[in-house]
Amino acid sequence: MKRLSLALALAFAVQAAEQSLSLKVEGWHSKGDVYKTESAVQKVKGVIRVSSDLEAKTLTVVFDDASANAAAIQKAISGAGYVSHR
């Protein structure tokens, strides 16, 4: 039974993969806007890393695709008061 559990856990771990998503964000004017957006996105379960470029108005998110997806990330951005698109 332990072997079966271990095999299933390993199979699941292999299926989950890190994905990267880059988005343009509208409405950023200051570092405070960036901070607010990054904080909202970091609360999404499965998000591993968030980085942004205020000048280019881009946000890059690395996430575990078994736990998070682009729609959840964009919903968090929207909830913070900003519009994002690919």
PDB file of N, CA and C in Angstrom:
ATOM      1  N   MET A   1       0.821  -1.188   0.000  1.00  0.00           N
ATOM      2  CA  MET A   1       0.000   0.000   0.000  1.00  0.00           C
ATOM      3  C   MET A   1       0.870   1.259   0.000  1.00  0.00           C
ATOM      4  N   LYS A   2       1.986   1.227   0.752  1.00  0.00           N
ATOM      5  CA  LYS A   2       2.880   2.377   0.782  1.00  0.00           C
ATOM      6  C   LYS A   2       3.457   2.651  -0.603  1.00  0.00           C
ATOM      7  N   ARG A   3       3.778   1.591  -1.319  1.00  0.00           N
ATOM      8  CA  ARG A   3       4.352   1.756  -2.656  1.00  0.00           C
ATOM      9  C   ARG A   3       3.343   2.403  -3.597  1.00  0.00           C
ATOM     10  N   LEU A   4       2.094   1.980  -3.492  1.00  0.00           N
ATOM     11  CA  LEU A   4       1.053   2.552  -4.338  1.00  0.00           C
ATOM     12  C   LEU A   4       0.871   4.039  -4.030  1.00  0.00           C
ATOM     13  N   SER A   5       0.846   4.374  -2.766  1.00  0.00           N
ATOM     14  CA  SER A   5       0.707   5.780  -2.369  1.00  0.00           C
ATOM     15  C   SER A   5       1.883   6.611  -2.879  1.00  0.00           C
ATOM     16  N   LEU A   6       3.072   6.068  -2.739  1.00  0.00           N
ATOM     17  CA  LEU A   6       4.263   6.765  -3.215  1.00  0.00           C
ATOM     18  C   LEU A   6       4.218   6.927  -4.729  1.00  0.00           C
ATOM     19  N   ALA A   7       3.818   5.891  -5.432  1.00  0.00           N
ATOM     20  CA  ALA A   7       3.738   5.949  -6.890  1.00  0.00           C
ATOM     21  C   ALA A   7       2.711   6.991  -7.335  1.00  0.00           C
ATOM     22  N   LEU A   8       1.580   7.046  -6.666  1.00  0.00           N
ATOM     23  CA  LEU A   8       0.562   8.038  -7.006  1.00  0.00           C
ATOM     24  C   LEU A   8       1.054   9.451  -6.720  1.00  0.00           C
ATOM     25  N   ALA A   9       1.734   9.632  -5.611  1.00  0.00           N
ATOM     26  CA  ALA A   9       2.265  10.953  -5.263  1.00  0.00           C
ATOM     27  C   ALA A   9       3.298  11.402  -6.296  1.00  0.00           C
ATOM     28  N   LEU A  10       4.153  10.492  -6.714  1.00  0.00           N
ATOM     29  CA  LEU A  10       5.159  10.826  -7.715  1.00  0.00           C
ATOM     30  C   LEU A  10       4.517  11.125  -9.063  1.00  0.00           C
ATOM     31  N   ALA A  11       3.508  10.378  -9.424  1.00  0.00           N
ATOM     32  CA  ALA A  11       2.812  10.609 -10.689  1.00  0.00           C
ATOM     33  C   ALA A  11       2.163  11.987 -10.686  1.00  0.00           C
ATOM     34  N   PHE A  12       1.556  12.361  -9.577  1.00  0.00           N
ATOM     35  CA  PHE A  12       0.926  13.671  -9.469  1.00  0.00           C
ATOM     36  C   PHE A  12       1.976  14.773  -9.554  1.00  0.00           C
ATOM     37  N   ALA A  13       3.093  14.587  -8.887  1.00  0.00           N
ATOM     38  CA  ALA A  13       4.156  15.588  -8.889  1.00  0.00           C
ATOM     39  C   ALA A  13       4.718  15.788 -10.293  1.00  0.00           C
ATOM     40  N   VAL A  14       4.795  14.729 -11.077  1.00  0.00           N
ATOM     41  CA  VAL A  14       5.300  14.819 -12.436  1.00  0.00           C
ATOM     42  C   VAL A  14       4.321  15.600 -13.311  1.00  0.00           C
ATOM     43  N   GLN A  15       3.014  15.433 -13.078  1.00  0.00           N
ATOM     44  CA  GLN A  15       2.012  16.116 -13.887  1.00  0.00           C
ATOM     45  C   GLN A  15       1.980  17.614 -13.600  1.00  0.00           C
ATOM     46  N   ALA A  16       2.205  18.008 -12.374  1.00  0.00           N
ATOM     47  CA  ALA A  16       2.206  19.422 -12.023  1.00  0.00           C
ATOM     48  C   ALA A  16       3.476  20.058 -12.578  1.00  0.00           C
ATOM     49  N   ALA A  17       3.326  21.229 -13.140  1.00  0.00           N
ATOM     50  CA  ALA A  17       4.488  21.876 -13.730  1.00  0.00           C
ATOM     51  C   ALA A  17       4.427  23.373 -13.483  1.00  0.00           C
ATOM     52  N   GLU A  18       5.592  23.961 -13.413  1.00  0.00           N
ATOM     53  CA  GLU A  18       5.655  25.411 -13.293  1.00  0.00           C
ATOM     54  C   GLU A  18       5.345  26.034 -14.644  1.00  0.00           C
ATOM     55  N   GLN A  19       4.515  27.032 -14.624  1.00  0.00           N
ATOM     56  CA  GLN A  19       4.170  27.782 -15.827  1.00  0.00           C
ATOM     57  C   GLN A  19       4.517  29.240 -15.589  1.00  0.00           C
ATOM     58  N   SER A  20       4.780  29.949 -16.651  1.00  0.00           N
ATOM     59  CA  SER A  20       5.069  31.370 -16.562  1.00  0.00           C
ATOM     60  C   SER A  20       4.030  32.126 -17.383  1.00  0.00           C
ATOM     61  N   LEU A  21       3.536  33.209 -16.826  1.00  0.00           N
ATOM     62  CA  LEU A  21       2.519  34.019 -17.478  1.00  0.00           C
ATOM     63  C   LEU A  21       2.961  35.473 -17.431  1.00  0.00           C
ATOM     64  N   SER A  22       3.025  36.120 -18.581  1.00  0.00           N
ATOM     65  CA  SER A  22       3.362  37.539 -18.638  1.00  0.00           C
ATOM     66  C   SER A  22       2.142  38.312 -19.086  1.00  0.00           C
ATOM     67  N   LEU A  23       1.826  39.359 -18.342  1.00  0.00           N
ATOM     68  CA  LEU A  23       0.634  40.150 -18.615  1.00  0.00           C
ATOM     69  C   LEU A  23       0.967  41.633 -18.652  1.00  0.00           C
ATOM     70  N   LYS A  24       0.253  42.363 -19.493  1.00  0.00           N
ATOM     71  CA  LYS A  24       0.286  43.818 -19.484  1.00  0.00           C
ATOM     72  C   LYS A  24      -0.772  44.255 -18.489  1.00  0.00           C
ATOM     73  N   VAL A  25      -0.464  45.260 -17.687  1.00  0.00           N
ATOM     74  CA  VAL A  25      -1.411  45.736 -16.677  1.00  0.00           C
ATOM     75  C   VAL A  25      -1.712  47.214 -16.935  1.00  0.00           C
ATOM     76  N   GLU A  26      -2.980  47.518 -17.053  1.00  0.00           N
ATOM     77  CA  GLU A  26      -3.409  48.901 -17.255  1.00  0.00           C
ATOM     78  C   GLU A  26      -3.739  49.539 -15.908  1.00  0.00           C
ATOM     79  N   GLY A  27      -3.402  50.810 -15.766  1.00  0.00           N
ATOM     80  CA  GLY A  27      -3.755  51.543 -14.554  1.00  0.00           C
ATOM     81  C   GLY A  27      -2.622  51.728 -13.564  1.00  0.00           C
ATOM     82  N   TRP A  28      -1.447  51.218 -13.878  1.00  0.00           N
ATOM     83  CA  TRP A  28      -0.303  51.405 -12.996  1.00  0.00           C
ATOM     84  C   TRP A  28       0.285  52.789 -13.208  1.00  0.00           C
ATOM     85  N   HIS A  29       0.478  53.527 -12.106  1.00  0.00           N
ATOM     86  CA  HIS A  29       1.090  54.847 -12.186  1.00  0.00           C
ATOM     87  C   HIS A  29       2.221  55.008 -11.175  1.00  0.00           C
ATOM     88  N   SER A  30       2.285  54.108 -10.211  1.00  0.00           N
ATOM     89  CA  SER A  30       3.290  54.246  -9.154  1.00  0.00           C
ATOM     90  C   SER A  30       3.715  52.875  -8.633  1.00  0.00           C
ATOM     91  N   LYS A  31       4.750  52.882  -7.800  1.00  0.00           N
ATOM     92  CA  LYS A  31       5.202  51.644  -7.168  1.00  0.00           C
ATOM     93  C   LYS A  31       4.126  51.084  -6.248  1.00  0.00           C
ATOM     94  N   GLY A  32       3.293  51.946  -5.710  1.00  0.00           N
ATOM     95  CA  GLY A  32       2.185  51.492  -4.866  1.00  0.00           C
ATOM     96  C   GLY A  32       1.194  50.633  -5.643  1.00  0.00           C
ATOM     97  N   ASP A  33       0.937  51.015  -6.893  1.00  0.00           N
ATOM     98  CA  ASP A  33       0.049  50.221  -7.745  1.00  0.00           C
ATOM     99  C   ASP A  33       0.644  48.834  -7.995  1.00  0.00           C
ATOM    100  N   VAL A  34       1.949  48.820  -8.254  1.00  0.00           N
ATOM    101  CA  VAL A  34       2.652  47.554  -8.492  1.00  0.00           C
ATOM    102  C   VAL A  34       2.593  46.681  -7.237  1.00  0.00           C
ATOM    103  N   TYR A  35       2.872  47.278  -6.098  1.00  0.00           N
ATOM    104  CA  TYR A  35       2.858  46.538  -4.828  1.00  0.00           C
ATOM    105  C   TYR A  35       1.471  45.947  -4.559  1.00  0.00           C
ATOM    106  N   LYS A  36       0.448  46.744  -4.768  1.00  0.00           N
ATOM    107  CA  LYS A  36      -0.928  46.284  -4.546  1.00  0.00           C
ATOM    108  C   LYS A  36      -1.258  45.089  -5.444  1.00  0.00           C
ATOM    109  N   THR A  37      -0.829  45.164  -6.696  1.00  0.00           N
ATOM    110  CA  THR A  37      -1.087  44.078  -7.648  1.00  0.00           C
ATOM    111  C   THR A  37      -0.300  42.820  -7.283  1.00  0.00           C
ATOM    112  N   GLU A  38       0.990  42.989  -7.004  1.00  0.00           N
ATOM    113  CA  GLU A  38       1.819  41.838  -6.637  1.00  0.00           C
ATOM    114  C   GLU A  38       1.276  41.156  -5.384  1.00  0.00           C
ATOM    115  N   SER A  39       0.867  41.941  -4.414  1.00  0.00           N
ATOM    116  CA  SER A  39       0.333  41.370  -3.174  1.00  0.00           C
ATOM    117  C   SER A  39      -0.922  40.550  -3.433  1.00  0.00           C
ATOM    118  N   ALA A  40      -1.792  41.053  -4.287  1.00  0.00           N
ATOM    119  CA  ALA A  40      -3.026  40.329  -4.611  1.00  0.00           C
ATOM    120  C   ALA A  40      -2.720  39.017  -5.326  1.00  0.00           C
ATOM    121  N   VAL A  41      -1.787  39.059  -6.255  1.00  0.00           N
ATOM    122  CA  VAL A  41      -1.445  37.857  -7.033  1.00  0.00           C
ATOM    123  C   VAL A  41      -0.743  36.828  -6.151  1.00  0.00           C
ATOM    124  N   GLN A  42       0.098  37.266  -5.232  1.00  0.00           N
ATOM    125  CA  GLN A  42       0.808  36.328  -4.362  1.00  0.00           C
ATOM    126  C   GLN A  42      -0.140  35.555  -3.453  1.00  0.00           C
ATOM    127  N   LYS A  43      -1.341  36.045  -3.259  1.00  0.00           N
ATOM    128  CA  LYS A  43      -2.327  35.351  -2.433  1.00  0.00           C
ATOM    129  C   LYS A  43      -3.015  34.210  -3.166  1.00  0.00           C
ATOM    130  N   VAL A  44      -2.852  34.130  -4.479  1.00  0.00           N
ATOM    131  CA  VAL A  44      -3.458  33.046  -5.257  1.00  0.00           C
ATOM    132  C   VAL A  44      -2.709  31.756  -4.947  1.00  0.00           C
ATOM    133  N   LYS A  45      -3.448  30.737  -4.540  1.00  0.00           N
ATOM    134  CA  LYS A  45      -2.836  29.448  -4.221  1.00  0.00           C
ATOM    135  C   LYS A  45      -2.124  28.899  -5.460  1.00  0.00           C
ATOM    136  N   GLY A  46      -0.874  28.520  -5.279  1.00  0.00           N
ATOM    137  CA  GLY A  46      -0.090  27.956  -6.378  1.00  0.00           C
ATOM    138  C   GLY A  46       0.879  28.937  -7.009  1.00  0.00           C
ATOM    139  N   VAL A  47       0.769  30.218  -6.679  1.00  0.00           N
ATOM    140  CA  VAL A  47       1.708  31.198  -7.219  1.00  0.00           C
ATOM    141  C   VAL A  47       3.043  31.037  -6.503  1.00  0.00           C
ATOM    142  N   ILE A  48       4.101  30.940  -7.281  1.00  0.00           N
ATOM    143  CA  ILE A  48       5.437  30.707  -6.751  1.00  0.00           C
ATOM    144  C   ILE A  48       6.234  32.008  -6.683  1.00  0.00           C
ATOM    145  N   ARG A  49       6.134  32.802  -7.751  1.00  0.00           N
ATOM    146  CA  ARG A  49       6.959  34.006  -7.840  1.00  0.00           C
ATOM    147  C   ARG A  49       6.236  35.052  -8.686  1.00  0.00           C
ATOM    148  N   VAL A  50       6.364  36.318  -8.289  1.00  0.00           N
ATOM    149  CA  VAL A  50       5.768  37.428  -9.032  1.00  0.00           C
ATOM    150  C   VAL A  50       6.841  38.492  -9.217  1.00  0.00           C
ATOM    151  N   SER A  51       6.986  38.973 -10.432  1.00  0.00           N
ATOM    152  CA  SER A  51       7.897  40.086 -10.686  1.00  0.00           C
ATOM    153  C   SER A  51       7.203  41.061 -11.627  1.00  0.00           C
ATOM    154  N   SER A  52       7.615  42.308 -11.555  1.00  0.00           N
ATOM    155  CA  SER A  52       6.943  43.311 -12.370  1.00  0.00           C
ATOM    156  C   SER A  52       7.922  44.362 -12.865  1.00  0.00           C
ATOM    157  N   ASP A  53       7.467  45.081 -13.884  1.00  0.00           N
ATOM    158  CA  ASP A  53       8.234  46.180 -14.462  1.00  0.00           C
ATOM    159  C   ASP A  53       7.262  47.340 -14.622  1.00  0.00           C
ATOM    160  N   LEU A  54       7.384  48.338 -13.741  1.00  0.00           N
ATOM    161  CA  LEU A  54       6.468  49.476 -13.760  1.00  0.00           C
ATOM    162  C   LEU A  54       6.556  50.240 -15.079  1.00  0.00           C
ATOM    163  N   GLU A  55       7.765  50.459 -15.560  1.00  0.00           N
ATOM    164  CA  GLU A  55       7.952  51.229 -16.795  1.00  0.00           C
ATOM    165  C   GLU A  55       7.272  50.548 -17.982  1.00  0.00           C
ATOM    166  N   ALA A  56       7.446  49.235 -18.105  1.00  0.00           N
ATOM    167  CA  ALA A  56       6.833  48.481 -19.201  1.00  0.00           C
ATOM    168  C   ALA A  56       5.390  48.088 -18.900  1.00  0.00           C
ATOM    169  N   LYS A  57       4.983  48.279 -17.633  1.00  0.00           N
ATOM    170  CA  LYS A  57       3.638  47.911 -17.170  1.00  0.00           C
ATOM    171  C   LYS A  57       3.354  46.422 -17.416  1.00  0.00           C
ATOM    172  N   THR A  58       4.341  45.586 -17.040  1.00  0.00           N
ATOM    173  CA  THR A  58       4.184  44.143 -17.197  1.00  0.00           C
ATOM    174  C   THR A  58       4.357  43.432 -15.861  1.00  0.00           C
ATOM    175  N   LEU A  59       3.641  42.336 -15.751  1.00  0.00           N
ATOM    176  CA  LEU A  59       3.700  41.483 -14.565  1.00  0.00           C
ATOM    177  C   LEU A  59       3.982  40.070 -15.045  1.00  0.00           C
ATOM    178  N   THR A  60       4.962  39.420 -14.454  1.00  0.00           N
ATOM    179  CA  THR A  60       5.280  38.038 -14.795  1.00  0.00           C
ATOM    180  C   THR A  60       5.059  37.184 -13.558  1.00  0.00           C
ATOM    181  N   VAL A  61       4.313  36.110 -13.754  1.00  0.00           N
ATOM    182  CA  VAL A  61       3.941  35.233 -12.648  1.00  0.00           C
ATOM    183  C   VAL A  61       4.384  33.814 -12.969  1.00  0.00           C
ATOM    184  N   VAL A  62       5.076  33.180 -12.040  1.00  0.00           N
ATOM    185  CA  VAL A  62       5.424  31.762 -12.148  1.00  0.00           C
ATOM    186  C   VAL A  62       4.520  31.045 -11.161  1.00  0.00           C
ATOM    187  N   PHE A  63       3.829  30.022 -11.662  1.00  0.00           N
ATOM    188  CA  PHE A  63       2.861  29.324 -10.822  1.00  0.00           C
ATOM    189  C   PHE A  63       2.836  27.838 -11.114  1.00  0.00           C
ATOM    190  N   ASP A  64       2.320  27.098 -10.161  1.00  0.00           N
ATOM    191  CA  ASP A  64       2.136  25.652 -10.286  1.00  0.00           C
ATOM    192  C   ASP A  64       0.797  25.436 -10.975  1.00  0.00           C
ATOM    193  N   ASP A  65       0.831  24.874 -12.177  1.00  0.00           N
ATOM    194  CA  ASP A  65      -0.415  24.749 -12.931  1.00  0.00           C
ATOM    195  C   ASP A  65      -1.383  23.706 -12.371  1.00  0.00           C
ATOM    196  N   ALA A  66      -0.974  22.971 -11.360  1.00  0.00           N
ATOM    197  CA  ALA A  66      -1.896  22.045 -10.699  1.00  0.00           C
ATOM    198  C   ALA A  66      -2.762  22.791  -9.682  1.00  0.00           C
ATOM    199  N   SER A  67      -2.315  23.978  -9.262  1.00  0.00           N
ATOM    200  CA  SER A  67      -3.030  24.733  -8.236  1.00  0.00           C
ATOM    201  C   SER A  67      -3.584  26.068  -8.719  1.00  0.00           C
ATOM    202  N   ALA A  68      -2.956  26.664  -9.708  1.00  0.00           N
ATOM    203  CA  ALA A  68      -3.358  27.991 -10.176  1.00  0.00           C
ATOM    204  C   ALA A  68      -3.495  27.983 -11.689  1.00  0.00           C
ATOM    205  N   ASN A  69      -4.136  29.014 -12.205  1.00  0.00           N
ATOM    206  CA  ASN A  69      -4.265  29.160 -13.655  1.00  0.00           C
ATOM    207  C   ASN A  69      -4.339  30.646 -13.998  1.00  0.00           C
ATOM    208  N   ALA A  70      -4.270  30.945 -15.288  1.00  0.00           N
ATOM    209  CA  ALA A  70      -4.266  32.337 -15.738  1.00  0.00           C
ATOM    210  C   ALA A  70      -5.527  33.068 -15.309  1.00  0.00           C
ATOM    211  N   ALA A  71      -6.666  32.407 -15.359  1.00  0.00           N
ATOM    212  CA  ALA A  71      -7.929  33.056 -14.988  1.00  0.00           C
ATOM    213  C   ALA A  71      -7.924  33.493 -13.525  1.00  0.00           C
ATOM    214  N   ALA A  72      -7.411  32.657 -12.634  1.00  0.00           N
ATOM    215  CA  ALA A  72      -7.356  33.003 -11.203  1.00  0.00           C
ATOM    216  C   ALA A  72      -6.409  34.174 -10.967  1.00  0.00           C
ATOM    217  N   ILE A  73      -5.310  34.191 -11.699  1.00  0.00           N
ATOM    218  CA  ILE A  73      -4.344  35.279 -11.561  1.00  0.00           C
ATOM    219  C   ILE A  73      -4.948  36.588 -12.061  1.00  0.00           C
ATOM    220  N   GLN A  74      -5.610  36.541 -13.214  1.00  0.00           N
ATOM    221  CA  GLN A  74      -6.224  37.748 -13.754  1.00  0.00           C
ATOM    222  C   GLN A  74      -7.386  38.228 -12.883  1.00  0.00           C
ATOM    223  N   LYS A  75      -8.071  37.307 -12.246  1.00  0.00           N
ATOM    224  CA  LYS A  75      -9.154  37.678 -11.332  1.00  0.00           C
ATOM    225  C   LYS A  75      -8.578  38.430 -10.126  1.00  0.00           C
ATOM    226  N   ALA A  76      -7.429  37.982  -9.628  1.00  0.00           N
ATOM    227  CA  ALA A  76      -6.780  38.663  -8.506  1.00  0.00           C
ATOM    228  C   ALA A  76      -6.355  40.076  -8.900  1.00  0.00           C
ATOM    229  N   ILE A  77      -5.849  40.229 -10.108  1.00  0.00           N
ATOM    230  CA  ILE A  77      -5.443  41.548 -10.601  1.00  0.00           C
ATOM    231  C   ILE A  77      -6.660  42.455 -10.715  1.00  0.00           C
ATOM    232  N   SER A  78      -7.730  41.916 -11.251  1.00  0.00           N
ATOM    233  CA  SER A  78      -8.978  42.672 -11.367  1.00  0.00           C
ATOM    234  C   SER A  78      -9.502  43.079  -9.992  1.00  0.00           C
ATOM    235  N   GLY A  79      -9.418  42.161  -9.038  1.00  0.00           N
ATOM    236  CA  GLY A  79      -9.856  42.444  -7.678  1.00  0.00           C
ATOM    237  C   GLY A  79      -9.045  43.545  -7.009  1.00  0.00           C
ATOM    238  N   ALA A  80      -7.806  43.721  -7.469  1.00  0.00           N
ATOM    239  CA  ALA A  80      -6.950  44.785  -6.940  1.00  0.00           C
ATOM    240  C   ALA A  80      -7.251  46.124  -7.609  1.00  0.00           C
ATOM    241  N   GLY A  81      -8.098  46.081  -8.641  1.00  0.00           N
ATOM    242  CA  GLY A  81      -8.508  47.319  -9.304  1.00  0.00           C
ATOM    243  C   GLY A  81      -7.836  47.631 -10.619  1.00  0.00           C
ATOM    244  N   TYR A  82      -7.221  46.632 -11.237  1.00  0.00           N
ATOM    245  CA  TYR A  82      -6.502  46.850 -12.481  1.00  0.00           C
ATOM    246  C   TYR A  82      -6.997  45.896 -13.574  1.00  0.00           C
ATOM    247  N   VAL A  83      -6.688  46.250 -14.813  1.00  0.00           N
ATOM    248  CA  VAL A  83      -7.066  45.428 -15.967  1.00  0.00           C
ATOM    249  C   VAL A  83      -5.798  44.815 -16.530  1.00  0.00           C
ATOM    250  N   SER A  84      -5.855  43.522 -16.822  1.00  0.00           N
ATOM    251  CA  SER A  84      -4.678  42.855 -17.393  1.00  0.00           C
ATOM    252  C   SER A  84      -5.055  42.123 -18.675  1.00  0.00           C
ATOM    253  N   HIS A  85      -4.080  41.986 -19.526  1.00  0.00           N
ATOM    254  CA  HIS A  85      -4.267  41.220 -20.765  1.00  0.00           C
ATOM    255  C   HIS A  85      -2.922  40.702 -21.230  1.00  0.00           C
ATOM    256  N   ARG A  86      -2.991  39.685 -22.078  1.00  0.00           N
ATOM    257  CA  ARG A  86      -1.766  39.063 -22.577  1.00  0.00           C
ATOM    258  C   ARG A  86      -1.150  39.886 -23.683  1.00  0.00           C
TER     259      ARG A  86
END
